[in-house]
Amino acid sequence: QVQFVESGGGLVQPGGSLTLTCTASGFNFPNYVITWYRQSHGRERERVAQITAGGSTNFATSVKDRLPISRDNAKNAIFLQMNNVQPEVTARYYCGSHTLNAWGQGTQVTASS
């Protein structure tokens, strides 16, 4: 069974840092492109970042804040680094695969003082 589980979200003060982790199981993880999306209240879901099987990264041009994304194939994990967070990054962050049409439940990030 294909499964994605996001973790690492929480309440962070503006200027702080978080690392979101996406842990996957049930498929041959190293062979797949993994994508992070986010959705904030009242807004459409937007693609944040994507990492290919070979480790190349892509970011949506609409996302002003480029969030470093990396993968550890030995751990079946994808990481999204959030530095100097500002209130506009507040959203629920999801990871998954378009090819597998599978997504996690998301992890909430709230940047607020």
PDB file of N, CA and C in Angstrom:
ATOM      1  N   GLN A   1       0.842  -1.190   0.000  1.00  0.00           N
ATOM      2  CA  GLN A   1       0.000   0.000   0.000  1.00  0.00           C
ATOM      3  C   GLN A   1       0.882   1.247   0.000  1.00  0.00           C
ATOM      4  N   VAL A   2       0.645   2.104  -0.966  1.00  0.00           N
ATOM      5  CA  VAL A   2       1.416   3.339  -1.067  1.00  0.00           C
ATOM      6  C   VAL A   2       0.985   4.285   0.043  1.00  0.00           C
ATOM      7  N   GLN A   3       1.963   4.861   0.706  1.00  0.00           N
ATOM      8  CA  GLN A   3       1.642   5.759   1.813  1.00  0.00           C
ATOM      9  C   GLN A   3       2.669   6.875   1.902  1.00  0.00           C
ATOM     10  N   PHE A   4       2.171   8.079   2.171  1.00  0.00           N
ATOM     11  CA  PHE A   4       3.014   9.245   2.439  1.00  0.00           C
ATOM     12  C   PHE A   4       2.605   9.814   3.789  1.00  0.00           C
ATOM     13  N   VAL A   5       3.597  10.128   4.608  1.00  0.00           N
ATOM     14  CA  VAL A   5       3.328  10.722   5.914  1.00  0.00           C
ATOM     15  C   VAL A   5       4.212  11.948   6.082  1.00  0.00           C
ATOM     16  N   GLU A   6       3.567  13.098   6.282  1.00  0.00           N
ATOM     17  CA  GLU A   6       4.287  14.344   6.494  1.00  0.00           C
ATOM     18  C   GLU A   6       4.445  14.600   7.994  1.00  0.00           C
ATOM     19  N   SER A   7       5.554  15.213   8.361  1.00  0.00           N
ATOM     20  CA  SER A   7       5.787  15.576   9.758  1.00  0.00           C
ATOM     21  C   SER A   7       6.675  16.808   9.829  1.00  0.00           C
ATOM     22  N   GLY A   8       6.787  17.368  11.012  1.00  0.00           N
ATOM     23  CA  GLY A   8       7.687  18.494  11.225  1.00  0.00           C
ATOM     24  C   GLY A   8       7.026  19.853  11.270  1.00  0.00           C
ATOM     25  N   GLY A   9       5.738  19.901  10.997  1.00  0.00           N
ATOM     26  CA  GLY A   9       5.048  21.183  11.056  1.00  0.00           C
ATOM     27  C   GLY A   9       4.830  21.648  12.483  1.00  0.00           C
ATOM     28  N   GLY A  10       4.298  22.843  12.610  1.00  0.00           N
ATOM     29  CA  GLY A  10       4.028  23.370  13.934  1.00  0.00           C
ATOM     30  C   GLY A  10       3.952  24.878  13.912  1.00  0.00           C
ATOM     31  N   LEU A  11       3.959  25.456  15.082  1.00  0.00           N
ATOM     32  CA  LEU A  11       3.934  26.902  15.233  1.00  0.00           C
ATOM     33  C   LEU A  11       5.367  27.411  15.309  1.00  0.00           C
ATOM     34  N   VAL A  12       5.684  28.378  14.475  1.00  0.00           N
ATOM     35  CA  VAL A  12       7.028  28.930  14.457  1.00  0.00           C
ATOM     36  C   VAL A  12       6.925  30.444  14.391  1.00  0.00           C
ATOM     37  N   GLN A  13       7.789  31.105  15.094  1.00  0.00           N
ATOM     38  CA  GLN A  13       7.795  32.559  15.056  1.00  0.00           C
ATOM     39  C   GLN A  13       8.406  33.047  13.753  1.00  0.00           C
ATOM     40  N   PRO A  14       7.944  34.190  13.247  1.00  0.00           N
ATOM     41  CA  PRO A  14       8.566  34.764  12.046  1.00  0.00           C
ATOM     42  C   PRO A  14      10.077  34.876  12.223  1.00  0.00           C
ATOM     43  N   GLY A  15      10.777  34.452  11.201  1.00  0.00           N
ATOM     44  CA  GLY A  15      12.229  34.433  11.269  1.00  0.00           C
ATOM     45  C   GLY A  15      12.800  33.104  11.705  1.00  0.00           C
ATOM     46  N   GLY A  16      11.954  32.242  12.197  1.00  0.00           N
ATOM     47  CA  GLY A  16      12.408  30.933  12.646  1.00  0.00           C
ATOM     48  C   GLY A  16      12.546  29.945  11.508  1.00  0.00           C
ATOM     49  N   SER A  17      12.847  28.687  11.872  1.00  0.00           N
ATOM     50  CA  SER A  17      13.090  27.641  10.867  1.00  0.00           C
ATOM     51  C   SER A  17      12.341  26.370  11.212  1.00  0.00           C
ATOM     52  N   LEU A  18      12.020  25.636  10.148  1.00  0.00           N
ATOM     53  CA  LEU A  18      11.398  24.319  10.283  1.00  0.00           C
ATOM     54  C   LEU A  18      11.932  23.428   9.184  1.00  0.00           C
ATOM     55  N   THR A  19      11.964  22.144   9.453  1.00  0.00           N
ATOM     56  CA  THR A  19      12.238  21.176   8.401  1.00  0.00           C
ATOM     57  C   THR A  19      11.068  20.203   8.338  1.00  0.00           C
ATOM     58  N   LEU A  20      10.407  20.192   7.199  1.00  0.00           N
ATOM     59  CA  LEU A  20       9.314  19.245   6.998  1.00  0.00           C
ATOM     60  C   LEU A  20       9.871  17.963   6.408  1.00  0.00           C
ATOM     61  N   THR A  21       9.354  16.852   6.868  1.00  0.00           N
ATOM     62  CA  THR A  21       9.787  15.548   6.383  1.00  0.00           C
ATOM     63  C   THR A  21       8.604  14.808   5.779  1.00  0.00           C
ATOM     64  N   CYS A  22       8.854  14.197   4.658  1.00  0.00           N
ATOM     65  CA  CYS A  22       7.866  13.345   3.987  1.00  0.00           C
ATOM     66  C   CYS A  22       8.447  11.938   3.948  1.00  0.00           C
ATOM     67  N   THR A  23       7.787  11.023   4.605  1.00  0.00           N
ATOM     68  CA  THR A  23       8.251   9.633   4.636  1.00  0.00           C
ATOM     69  C   THR A  23       7.295   8.777   3.821  1.00  0.00           C
ATOM     70  N   ALA A  24       7.863   7.984   2.918  1.00  0.00           N
ATOM     71  CA  ALA A  24       7.034   7.205   2.001  1.00  0.00           C
ATOM     72  C   ALA A  24       7.260   5.710   2.183  1.00  0.00           C
ATOM     73  N   SER A  25       6.269   4.927   1.764  1.00  0.00           N
ATOM     74  CA  SER A  25       6.383   3.471   1.832  1.00  0.00           C
ATOM     75  C   SER A  25       5.448   2.841   0.820  1.00  0.00           C
ATOM     76  N   GLY A  26       5.700   1.578   0.511  1.00  0.00           N
ATOM     77  CA  GLY A  26       4.795   0.830  -0.350  1.00  0.00           C
ATOM     78  C   GLY A  26       5.121   0.860  -1.827  1.00  0.00           C
ATOM     79  N   PHE A  27       6.230   1.480  -2.203  1.00  0.00           N
ATOM     80  CA  PHE A  27       6.635   1.527  -3.610  1.00  0.00           C
ATOM     81  C   PHE A  27       8.141   1.730  -3.671  1.00  0.00           C
ATOM     82  N   ASN A  28       8.686   1.660  -4.885  1.00  0.00           N
ATOM     83  CA  ASN A  28      10.126   1.790  -5.073  1.00  0.00           C
ATOM     84  C   ASN A  28      10.495   3.270  -5.071  1.00  0.00           C
ATOM     85  N   PHE A  29      10.644   3.808  -3.898  1.00  0.00           N
ATOM     86  CA  PHE A  29      10.774   5.249  -3.667  1.00  0.00           C
ATOM     87  C   PHE A  29      11.827   5.938  -4.536  1.00  0.00           C
ATOM     88  N   PRO A  30      13.041   5.394  -4.677  1.00  0.00           N
ATOM     89  CA  PRO A  30      14.075   6.122  -5.426  1.00  0.00           C
ATOM     90  C   PRO A  30      13.715   6.421  -6.873  1.00  0.00           C
ATOM     91  N   ASN A  31      12.755   5.730  -7.431  1.00  0.00           N
ATOM     92  CA  ASN A  31      12.437   5.885  -8.848  1.00  0.00           C
ATOM     93  C   ASN A  31      11.398   6.956  -9.147  1.00  0.00           C
ATOM     94  N   TYR A  32      10.901   7.619  -8.116  1.00  0.00           N
ATOM     95  CA  TYR A  32       9.758   8.499  -8.318  1.00  0.00           C
ATOM     96  C   TYR A  32      10.042   9.960  -8.022  1.00  0.00           C
ATOM     97  N   VAL A  33       9.390  10.815  -8.821  1.00  0.00           N
ATOM     98  CA  VAL A  33       9.364  12.238  -8.545  1.00  0.00           C
ATOM     99  C   VAL A  33       8.393  12.474  -7.389  1.00  0.00           C
ATOM    100  N   ILE A  34       8.823  13.262  -6.425  1.00  0.00           N
ATOM    101  CA  ILE A  34       7.990  13.582  -5.270  1.00  0.00           C
ATOM    102  C   ILE A  34       7.753  15.093  -5.245  1.00  0.00           C
ATOM    103  N   THR A  35       6.546  15.475  -4.940  1.00  0.00           N
ATOM    104  CA  THR A  35       6.150  16.875  -4.976  1.00  0.00           C
ATOM    105  C   THR A  35       5.588  17.323  -3.631  1.00  0.00           C
ATOM    106  N   TRP A  36       5.946  18.536  -3.232  1.00  0.00           N
ATOM    107  CA  TRP A  36       5.331  19.190  -2.080  1.00  0.00           C
ATOM    108  C   TRP A  36       4.329  20.231  -2.586  1.00  0.00           C
ATOM    109  N   TYR A  37       3.146  20.207  -2.004  1.00  0.00           N
ATOM    110  CA  TYR A  37       2.141  21.223  -2.245  1.00  0.00           C
ATOM    111  C   TYR A  37       1.808  21.882  -0.911  1.00  0.00           C
ATOM    112  N   ARG A  38       1.145  23.009  -0.999  1.00  0.00           N
ATOM    113  CA  ARG A  38       0.613  23.611   0.216  1.00  0.00           C
ATOM    114  C   ARG A  38      -0.735  24.252  -0.092  1.00  0.00           C
ATOM    115  N   GLN A  39      -1.531  24.357   0.925  1.00  0.00           N
ATOM    116  CA  GLN A  39      -2.831  25.008   0.785  1.00  0.00           C
ATOM    117  C   GLN A  39      -3.120  25.788   2.050  1.00  0.00           C
ATOM    118  N   SER A  40      -3.357  27.075   1.868  1.00  0.00           N
ATOM    119  CA  SER A  40      -3.711  27.910   3.010  1.00  0.00           C
ATOM    120  C   SER A  40      -5.207  28.187   2.968  1.00  0.00           C
ATOM    121  N   HIS A  41      -5.707  28.659   4.064  1.00  0.00           N
ATOM    122  CA  HIS A  41      -7.148  28.843   4.209  1.00  0.00           C
ATOM    123  C   HIS A  41      -7.690  29.780   3.143  1.00  0.00           C
ATOM    124  N   GLY A  42      -8.701  29.300   2.414  1.00  0.00           N
ATOM    125  CA  GLY A  42      -9.358  30.135   1.432  1.00  0.00           C
ATOM    126  C   GLY A  42      -8.631  30.273   0.113  1.00  0.00           C
ATOM    127  N   ARG A  43      -7.539  29.548  -0.050  1.00  0.00           N
ATOM    128  CA  ARG A  43      -6.770  29.654  -1.282  1.00  0.00           C
ATOM    129  C   ARG A  43      -6.643  28.275  -1.937  1.00  0.00           C
ATOM    130  N   GLU A  44      -6.337  28.300  -3.224  1.00  0.00           N
ATOM    131  CA  GLU A  44      -6.156  27.043  -3.947  1.00  0.00           C
ATOM    132  C   GLU A  44      -4.832  26.405  -3.565  1.00  0.00           C
ATOM    133  N   ARG A  45      -4.785  25.111  -3.744  1.00  0.00           N
ATOM    134  CA  ARG A  45      -3.540  24.396  -3.498  1.00  0.00           C
ATOM    135  C   ARG A  45      -2.494  24.854  -4.498  1.00  0.00           C
ATOM    136  N   GLU A  46      -1.272  25.051  -4.058  1.00  0.00           N
ATOM    137  CA  GLU A  46      -0.212  25.447  -4.971  1.00  0.00           C
ATOM    138  C   GLU A  46       1.001  24.544  -4.785  1.00  0.00           C
ATOM    139  N   ARG A  47       1.638  24.288  -5.913  1.00  0.00           N
ATOM    140  CA  ARG A  47       2.845  23.464  -5.877  1.00  0.00           C
ATOM    141  C   ARG A  47       3.999  24.275  -5.325  1.00  0.00           C
ATOM    142  N   VAL A  48       4.726  23.694  -4.413  1.00  0.00           N
ATOM    143  CA  VAL A  48       5.837  24.388  -3.779  1.00  0.00           C
ATOM    144  C   VAL A  48       7.159  23.971  -4.405  1.00  0.00           C
ATOM    145  N   ALA A  49       7.409  22.678  -4.408  1.00  0.00           N
ATOM    146  CA  ALA A  49       8.696  22.188  -4.898  1.00  0.00           C
ATOM    147  C   ALA A  49       8.561  20.727  -5.302  1.00  0.00           C
ATOM    148  N   GLN A  50       9.484  20.316  -6.156  1.00  0.00           N
ATOM    149  CA  GLN A  50       9.455  18.951  -6.672  1.00  0.00           C
ATOM    150  C   GLN A  50      10.885  18.460  -6.807  1.00  0.00           C
ATOM    151  N   ILE A  51      11.086  17.188  -6.527  1.00  0.00           N
ATOM    152  CA  ILE A  51      12.434  16.622  -6.660  1.00  0.00           C
ATOM    153  C   ILE A  51      12.334  15.336  -7.463  1.00  0.00           C
ATOM    154  N   THR A  52      13.199  15.214  -8.455  1.00  0.00           N
ATOM    155  CA  THR A  52      13.160  14.060  -9.334  1.00  0.00           C
ATOM    156  C   THR A  52      13.900  12.878  -8.720  1.00  0.00           C
ATOM    157  N   ALA A  53      13.836  11.753  -9.410  1.00  0.00           N
ATOM    158  CA  ALA A  53      14.529  10.563  -8.937  1.00  0.00           C
ATOM    159  C   ALA A  53      16.036  10.812  -8.848  1.00  0.00           C
ATOM    160  N   GLY A  54      16.548  11.625  -9.758  1.00  0.00           N
ATOM    161  CA  GLY A  54      17.982  11.904  -9.772  1.00  0.00           C
ATOM    162  C   GLY A  54      18.406  13.034  -8.846  1.00  0.00           C
ATOM    163  N   GLY A  55      17.421  13.648  -8.170  1.00  0.00           N
ATOM    164  CA  GLY A  55      17.761  14.699  -7.221  1.00  0.00           C
ATOM    165  C   GLY A  55      17.644  16.109  -7.774  1.00  0.00           C
ATOM    166  N   SER A  56      17.244  16.271  -9.038  1.00  0.00           N
ATOM    167  CA  SER A  56      17.034  17.608  -9.579  1.00  0.00           C
ATOM    168  C   SER A  56      15.791  18.212  -8.952  1.00  0.00           C
ATOM    169  N   THR A  57      15.824  19.523  -8.767  1.00  0.00           N
ATOM    170  CA  THR A  57      14.710  20.184  -8.099  1.00  0.00           C
ATOM    171  C   THR A  57      14.036  21.199  -9.009  1.00  0.00           C
ATOM    172  N   ASN A  58      12.766  21.384  -8.802  1.00  0.00           N
ATOM    173  CA  ASN A  58      11.979  22.366  -9.527  1.00  0.00           C
ATOM    174  C   ASN A  58      11.102  23.104  -8.530  1.00  0.00           C
ATOM    175  N   PHE A  59      10.908  24.373  -8.781  1.00  0.00           N
ATOM    176  CA  PHE A  59      10.075  25.176  -7.901  1.00  0.00           C
ATOM    177  C   PHE A  59       9.051  25.916  -8.741  1.00  0.00           C
ATOM    178  N   ALA A  60       7.861  26.064  -8.214  1.00  0.00           N
ATOM    179  CA  ALA A  60       6.841  26.810  -8.914  1.00  0.00           C
ATOM    180  C   ALA A  60       7.235  28.279  -8.978  1.00  0.00           C
ATOM    181  N   THR A  61       7.085  28.890 -10.141  1.00  0.00           N
ATOM    182  CA  THR A  61       7.477  30.294 -10.285  1.00  0.00           C
ATOM    183  C   THR A  61       6.614  31.201  -9.444  1.00  0.00           C
ATOM    184  N   SER A  62       5.426  30.747  -9.106  1.00  0.00           N
ATOM    185  CA  SER A  62       4.538  31.572  -8.295  1.00  0.00           C
ATOM    186  C   SER A  62       4.945  31.577  -6.826  1.00  0.00           C
ATOM    187  N   VAL A  63       5.857  30.678  -6.473  1.00  0.00           N
ATOM    188  CA  VAL A  63       6.286  30.602  -5.081  1.00  0.00           C
ATOM    189  C   VAL A  63       7.508  31.491  -4.912  1.00  0.00           C
ATOM    190  N   LYS A  64       7.333  32.601  -4.282  1.00  0.00           N
ATOM    191  CA  LYS A  64       8.433  33.561  -4.158  1.00  0.00           C
ATOM    192  C   LYS A  64       9.529  33.018  -3.250  1.00  0.00           C
ATOM    193  N   ASP A  65       9.121  32.312  -2.228  1.00  0.00           N
ATOM    194  CA  ASP A  65      10.098  31.783  -1.282  1.00  0.00           C
ATOM    195  C   ASP A  65      10.547  30.395  -1.732  1.00  0.00           C
ATOM    196  N   ARG A  66      11.763  30.318  -2.230  1.00  0.00           N
ATOM    197  CA  ARG A  66      12.320  29.045  -2.674  1.00  0.00           C
ATOM    198  C   ARG A  66      12.716  28.237  -1.453  1.00  0.00           C
ATOM    199  N   LEU A  67      12.143  27.072  -1.323  1.00  0.00           N
ATOM    200  CA  LEU A  67      12.365  26.253  -0.144  1.00  0.00           C
ATOM    201  C   LEU A  67      13.229  25.066  -0.535  1.00  0.00           C
ATOM    202  N   PRO A  68      14.428  24.986  -0.023  1.00  0.00           N
ATOM    203  CA  PRO A  68      15.318  23.883  -0.378  1.00  0.00           C
ATOM    204  C   PRO A  68      14.665  22.540  -0.124  1.00  0.00           C
ATOM    205  N   ILE A  69      14.728  21.670  -1.122  1.00  0.00           N
ATOM    206  CA  ILE A  69      14.158  20.336  -1.022  1.00  0.00           C
ATOM    207  C   ILE A  69      15.261  19.335  -1.293  1.00  0.00           C
ATOM    208  N   SER A  70      15.262  18.267  -0.546  1.00  0.00           N
ATOM    209  CA  SER A  70      16.269  17.221  -0.722  1.00  0.00           C
ATOM    210  C   SER A  70      15.635  15.868  -0.440  1.00  0.00           C
ATOM    211  N   ARG A  71      16.351  14.802  -0.813  1.00  0.00           N
ATOM    212  CA  ARG A  71      15.818  13.458  -0.577  1.00  0.00           C
ATOM    213  C   ARG A  71      16.906  12.548  -0.048  1.00  0.00           C
ATOM    214  N   ASP A  72      16.486  11.587   0.747  1.00  0.00           N
ATOM    215  CA  ASP A  72      17.375  10.553   1.257  1.00  0.00           C
ATOM    216  C   ASP A  72      16.735   9.223   0.870  1.00  0.00           C
ATOM    217  N   ASN A  73      17.205   8.639  -0.216  1.00  0.00           N
ATOM    218  CA  ASN A  73      16.580   7.420  -0.717  1.00  0.00           C
ATOM    219  C   ASN A  73      16.760   6.240   0.234  1.00  0.00           C
ATOM    220  N   ALA A  74      17.808   6.263   1.025  1.00  0.00           N
ATOM    221  CA  ALA A  74      18.015   5.169   1.979  1.00  0.00           C
ATOM    222  C   ALA A  74      16.945   5.174   3.068  1.00  0.00           C
ATOM    223  N   LYS A  75      16.384   6.363   3.319  1.00  0.00           N
ATOM    224  CA  LYS A  75      15.364   6.492   4.360  1.00  0.00           C
ATOM    225  C   LYS A  75      13.970   6.675   3.783  1.00  0.00           C
ATOM    226  N   ASN A  76      13.859   6.613   2.447  1.00  0.00           N
ATOM    227  CA  ASN A  76      12.561   6.870   1.806  1.00  0.00           C
ATOM    228  C   ASN A  76      11.963   8.192   2.285  1.00  0.00           C
ATOM    229  N   ALA A  77      12.783   9.221   2.297  1.00  0.00           N
ATOM    230  CA  ALA A  77      12.334  10.487   2.867  1.00  0.00           C
ATOM    231  C   ALA A  77      12.695  11.671   1.992  1.00  0.00           C
ATOM    232  N   ILE A  78      11.831  12.663   2.026  1.00  0.00           N
ATOM    233  CA  ILE A  78      12.028  13.945   1.350  1.00  0.00           C
ATOM    234  C   ILE A  78      11.976  15.021   2.425  1.00  0.00           C
ATOM    235  N   PHE A  79      12.852  16.017   2.296  1.00  0.00           N
ATOM    236  CA  PHE A  79      12.904  17.073   3.287  1.00  0.00           C
ATOM    237  C   PHE A  79      12.653  18.431   2.616  1.00  0.00           C
ATOM    238  N   LEU A  80      11.903  19.267   3.286  1.00  0.00           N
ATOM    239  CA  LEU A  80      11.648  20.624   2.811  1.00  0.00           C
ATOM    240  C   LEU A  80      12.103  21.583   3.902  1.00  0.00           C
ATOM    241  N   GLN A  81      13.140  22.329   3.595  1.00  0.00           N
ATOM    242  CA  GLN A  81      13.724  23.221   4.582  1.00  0.00           C
ATOM    243  C   GLN A  81      13.071  24.597   4.495  1.00  0.00           C
ATOM    244  N   MET A  82      12.631  25.088   5.617  1.00  0.00           N
ATOM    245  CA  MET A  82      11.990  26.399   5.666  1.00  0.00           C
ATOM    246  C   MET A  82      12.787  27.281   6.617  1.00  0.00           C
ATOM    247  N   ASN A  83      13.464  28.273   6.051  1.00  0.00           N
ATOM    248  CA  ASN A  83      14.272  29.192   6.840  1.00  0.00           C
ATOM    249  C   ASN A  83      13.665  30.581   6.803  1.00  0.00           C
ATOM    250  N   ASN A  84      13.902  31.321   7.856  1.00  0.00           N
ATOM    251  CA  ASN A  84      13.394  32.692   7.929  1.00  0.00           C
ATOM    252  C   ASN A  84      11.906  32.745   7.539  1.00  0.00           C
ATOM    253  N   VAL A  85      11.135  31.905   8.155  1.00  0.00           N
ATOM    254  CA  VAL A  85       9.729  31.807   7.759  1.00  0.00           C
ATOM    255  C   VAL A  85       8.998  33.110   8.058  1.00  0.00           C
ATOM    256  N   GLN A  86       8.061  33.419   7.192  1.00  0.00           N
ATOM    257  CA  GLN A  86       7.237  34.604   7.338  1.00  0.00           C
ATOM    258  C   GLN A  86       5.766  34.174   7.354  1.00  0.00           C
ATOM    259  N   PRO A  87       4.882  35.013   7.823  1.00  0.00           N
ATOM    260  CA  PRO A  87       3.475  34.621   7.955  1.00  0.00           C
ATOM    261  C   PRO A  87       2.846  34.072   6.671  1.00  0.00           C
ATOM    262  N   GLU A  88       3.337  34.509   5.513  1.00  0.00           N
ATOM    263  CA  GLU A  88       2.727  34.054   4.263  1.00  0.00           C
ATOM    264  C   GLU A  88       2.981  32.584   3.949  1.00  0.00           C
ATOM    265  N   VAL A  89       3.873  31.943   4.678  1.00  0.00           N
ATOM    266  CA  VAL A  89       4.083  30.514   4.424  1.00  0.00           C
ATOM    267  C   VAL A  89       3.101  29.656   5.221  1.00  0.00           C
ATOM    268  N   THR A  90       2.287  30.301   6.039  1.00  0.00           N
ATOM    269  CA  THR A  90       1.299  29.551   6.814  1.00  0.00           C
ATOM    270  C   THR A  90       0.371  28.799   5.885  1.00  0.00           C
ATOM    271  N   ALA A  91       0.347  27.476   6.056  1.00  0.00           N
ATOM    272  CA  ALA A  91      -0.462  26.620   5.181  1.00  0.00           C
ATOM    273  C   ALA A  91      -0.336  25.183   5.670  1.00  0.00           C
ATOM    274  N   ARG A  92      -1.119  24.318   5.061  1.00  0.00           N
ATOM    275  CA  ARG A  92      -0.956  22.888   5.286  1.00  0.00           C
ATOM    276  C   ARG A  92      -0.129  22.357   4.120  1.00  0.00           C
ATOM    277  N   TYR A  93       0.926  21.617   4.452  1.00  0.00           N
ATOM    278  CA  TYR A  93       1.868  21.145   3.450  1.00  0.00           C
ATOM    279  C   TYR A  93       1.676  19.636   3.239  1.00  0.00           C
ATOM    280  N   TYR A  94       1.599  19.280   1.957  1.00  0.00           N
ATOM    281  CA  TYR A  94       1.360  17.898   1.563  1.00  0.00           C
ATOM    282  C   TYR A  94       2.472  17.407   0.651  1.00  0.00           C
ATOM    283  N   CYS A  95       2.765  16.132   0.715  1.00  0.00           N
ATOM    284  CA  CYS A  95       3.707  15.548  -0.241  1.00  0.00           C
ATOM    285  C   CYS A  95       3.061  14.329  -0.884  1.00  0.00           C
ATOM    286  N   GLY A  96       3.574  13.973  -2.036  1.00  0.00           N
ATOM    287  CA  GLY A  96       3.034  12.814  -2.720  1.00  0.00           C
ATOM    288  C   GLY A  96       3.574  12.658  -4.116  1.00  0.00           C
ATOM    289  N   SER A  97       2.921  11.809  -4.867  1.00  0.00           N
ATOM    290  CA  SER A  97       3.342  11.477  -6.223  1.00  0.00           C
ATOM    291  C   SER A  97       2.166  11.585  -7.187  1.00  0.00           C
ATOM    292  N   HIS A  98       2.355  12.345  -8.269  1.00  0.00           N
ATOM    293  CA  HIS A  98       1.324  12.417  -9.315  1.00  0.00           C
ATOM    294  C   HIS A  98       1.213  11.079 -10.030  1.00  0.00           C
ATOM    295  N   THR A  99       2.350  10.433 -10.266  1.00  0.00           N
ATOM    296  CA  THR A  99       2.345   9.165 -10.996  1.00  0.00           C
ATOM    297  C   THR A  99       1.536   8.102 -10.264  1.00  0.00           C
ATOM    298  N   LEU A 100       1.708   8.082  -8.948  1.00  0.00           N
ATOM    299  CA  LEU A 100       0.997   7.098  -8.127  1.00  0.00           C
ATOM    300  C   LEU A 100      -0.368   7.587  -7.675  1.00  0.00           C
ATOM    301  N   ASN A 101      -0.624   8.880  -7.934  1.00  0.00           N
ATOM    302  CA  ASN A 101      -1.869   9.509  -7.489  1.00  0.00           C
ATOM    303  C   ASN A 101      -2.098   9.232  -6.000  1.00  0.00           C
ATOM    304  N   ALA A 102      -1.081   9.497  -5.215  1.00  0.00           N
ATOM    305  CA  ALA A 102      -1.152   9.247  -3.779  1.00  0.00           C
ATOM    306  C   ALA A 102      -0.558  10.425  -3.030  1.00  0.00           C
ATOM    307  N   TRP A 103      -1.215  10.816  -1.940  1.00  0.00           N
ATOM    308  CA  TRP A 103      -0.806  11.999  -1.178  1.00  0.00           C
ATOM    309  C   TRP A 103      -1.006  11.742   0.304  1.00  0.00           C
ATOM    310  N   GLY A 104      -0.216  12.441   1.097  1.00  0.00           N
ATOM    311  CA  GLY A 104      -0.352  12.317   2.524  1.00  0.00           C
ATOM    312  C   GLY A 104      -1.474  13.195   3.070  1.00  0.00           C
ATOM    313  N   GLN A 105      -1.614  13.180   4.389  1.00  0.00           N
ATOM    314  CA  GLN A 105      -2.654  13.960   5.059  1.00  0.00           C
ATOM    315  C   GLN A 105      -2.203  15.384   5.332  1.00  0.00           C
ATOM    316  N   GLY A 106      -0.917  15.633   5.214  1.00  0.00           N
ATOM    317  CA  GLY A 106      -0.409  16.982   5.376  1.00  0.00           C
ATOM    318  C   GLY A 106       0.052  17.282   6.791  1.00  0.00           C
ATOM    319  N   THR A 107       0.841  18.352   6.894  1.00  0.00           N
ATOM    320  CA  THR A 107       1.288  18.850   8.190  1.00  0.00           C
ATOM    321  C   THR A 107       1.134  20.364   8.183  1.00  0.00           C
ATOM    322  N   GLN A 108       0.586  20.896   9.263  1.00  0.00           N
ATOM    323  CA  GLN A 108       0.274  22.317   9.328  1.00  0.00           C
ATOM    324  C   GLN A 108       1.490  23.121   9.768  1.00  0.00           C
ATOM    325  N   VAL A 109       1.770  24.181   9.031  1.00  0.00           N
ATOM    326  CA  VAL A 109       2.806  25.140   9.403  1.00  0.00           C
ATOM    327  C   VAL A 109       2.134  26.483   9.652  1.00  0.00           C
ATOM    328  N   THR A 110       2.380  27.036  10.823  1.00  0.00           N
ATOM    329  CA  THR A 110       1.817  28.335  11.171  1.00  0.00           C
ATOM    330  C   THR A 110       2.941  29.241  11.639  1.00  0.00           C
ATOM    331  N   ALA A 111       3.143  30.315  10.895  1.00  0.00           N
ATOM    332  CA  ALA A 111       4.176  31.284  11.239  1.00  0.00           C
ATOM    333  C   ALA A 111       3.488  32.491  11.863  1.00  0.00           C
ATOM    334  N   SER A 112       3.673  32.636  13.153  1.00  0.00           N
ATOM    335  CA  SER A 112       2.975  33.708  13.855  1.00  0.00           C
ATOM    336  C   SER A 112       3.707  34.021  15.147  1.00  0.00           C
ATOM    337  N   SER A 113       3.643  35.286  15.525  1.00  0.00           N
ATOM    338  CA  SER A 113       4.241  35.671  16.794  1.00  0.00           C
ATOM    339  C   SER A 113       3.194  35.632  17.900  1.00  0.00           C
TER     340      SER A 113
END
